[in-house]
Amino acid sequence: MIQNDTRKGRAIEALGAGLSITETSEKADVSRKTVYRWLDDDVFKNAVLERQNETLERVSKRLSSLALQ
């Protein structure tokens, strides 16, 4: 179970960073079908969305600071 959680964690990070399903499946060492199945799970999907929002916020802040220089 811990190994599966680790794989899910890697998938959440990859999807949250904007990687494709194929790239995510390679990073998490699972099949594309598994990633799609995980995305059907609301808890997993919400974790990905939260990670995407964190990434977007971080990038937005960085761009704002660069624009002010």
Protein backbone atom coordinates (compact mmCIF):
# COMPACT_ATOMS: atom_id res chain seq x y z
CA MET A 1 0.00 0.00 0.00
CA ILE A 2 2.85 2.41 0.80
CA GLN A 3 4.34 1.86 -2.66
CA ASN A 4 0.98 2.71 -4.24
CA ASP A 5 0.77 5.89 -2.12
CA THR A 6 4.26 6.84 -3.29
CA ARG A 7 3.24 6.31 -6.90
CA LYS A 8 0.08 8.35 -6.39
CA GLY A 9 2.14 11.08 -4.79
CA ARG A 10 4.49 11.20 -7.76
CA ALA A 11 1.49 11.30 -10.09
CA ILE A 12 -0.09 14.16 -8.13
CA GLU A 13 3.16 16.13 -8.30
CA ALA A 14 3.56 15.45 -12.03
CA LEU A 15 -0.01 16.34 -12.95
CA GLY A 16 0.13 19.35 -10.65
CA ALA A 17 3.20 20.57 -12.50
CA GLY A 18 1.39 20.28 -15.82
CA LEU A 19 2.86 17.06 -17.16
CA SER A 20 0.81 14.98 -19.58
CA ILE A 21 -0.85 11.69 -18.68
CA THR A 22 1.91 9.84 -20.54
CA GLU A 23 4.69 11.75 -18.77
CA THR A 24 2.91 11.28 -15.44
CA SER A 25 2.54 7.55 -15.93
CA GLU A 26 6.26 7.30 -16.65
CA LYS A 27 7.21 9.37 -13.58
CA ALA A 28 4.90 7.34 -11.33
CA ASP A 29 5.89 4.03 -12.92
CA VAL A 30 2.29 3.06 -13.65
CA SER A 31 0.23 2.64 -16.80
CA ARG A 32 -1.69 5.48 -18.41
CA LYS A 33 -4.85 3.52 -17.63
CA THR A 34 -3.97 3.63 -13.93
CA VAL A 35 -3.53 7.41 -14.02
CA TYR A 36 -6.93 7.78 -15.70
CA ARG A 37 -8.48 5.46 -13.11
CA TRP A 38 -6.95 7.50 -10.29
CA LEU A 39 -8.36 10.67 -11.86
CA ASP A 40 -11.84 9.17 -11.48
CA ASP A 41 -11.29 9.21 -7.71
CA ASP A 42 -12.46 12.51 -6.20
CA VAL A 43 -9.82 12.54 -3.45
CA PHE A 44 -7.01 12.05 -5.97
CA LYS A 45 -8.50 14.55 -8.40
CA ASN A 46 -8.86 17.17 -5.65
CA ALA A 47 -5.24 16.62 -4.61
CA VAL A 48 -4.15 17.22 -8.22
CA LEU A 49 -6.29 20.37 -8.47
CA GLU A 50 -4.85 21.66 -5.19
CA ARG A 51 -1.32 21.03 -6.45
CA GLN A 52 -2.12 22.77 -9.75
CA ASN A 53 -3.46 25.79 -7.87
CA GLU A 54 -0.30 25.92 -5.73
CA THR A 55 1.84 25.75 -8.85
CA LEU A 56 -0.19 28.46 -10.57
CA GLU A 57 0.04 30.71 -7.51
CA ARG A 58 3.81 30.23 -7.27
CA VAL A 59 4.32 30.98 -10.98
CA SER A 60 2.01 33.98 -10.81
CA LYS A 61 3.93 35.46 -7.88
CA ARG A 62 7.21 34.88 -9.66
CA LEU A 63 5.98 36.58 -12.82
CA SER A 64 4.68 39.52 -10.80
CA SER A 65 8.01 39.97 -9.09
CA LEU A 66 9.82 39.82 -12.42
CA ALA A 67 7.47 42.41 -13.90
CA LEU A 68 8.26 44.81 -11.05
CA GLN A 69 12.01 44.69 -11.61
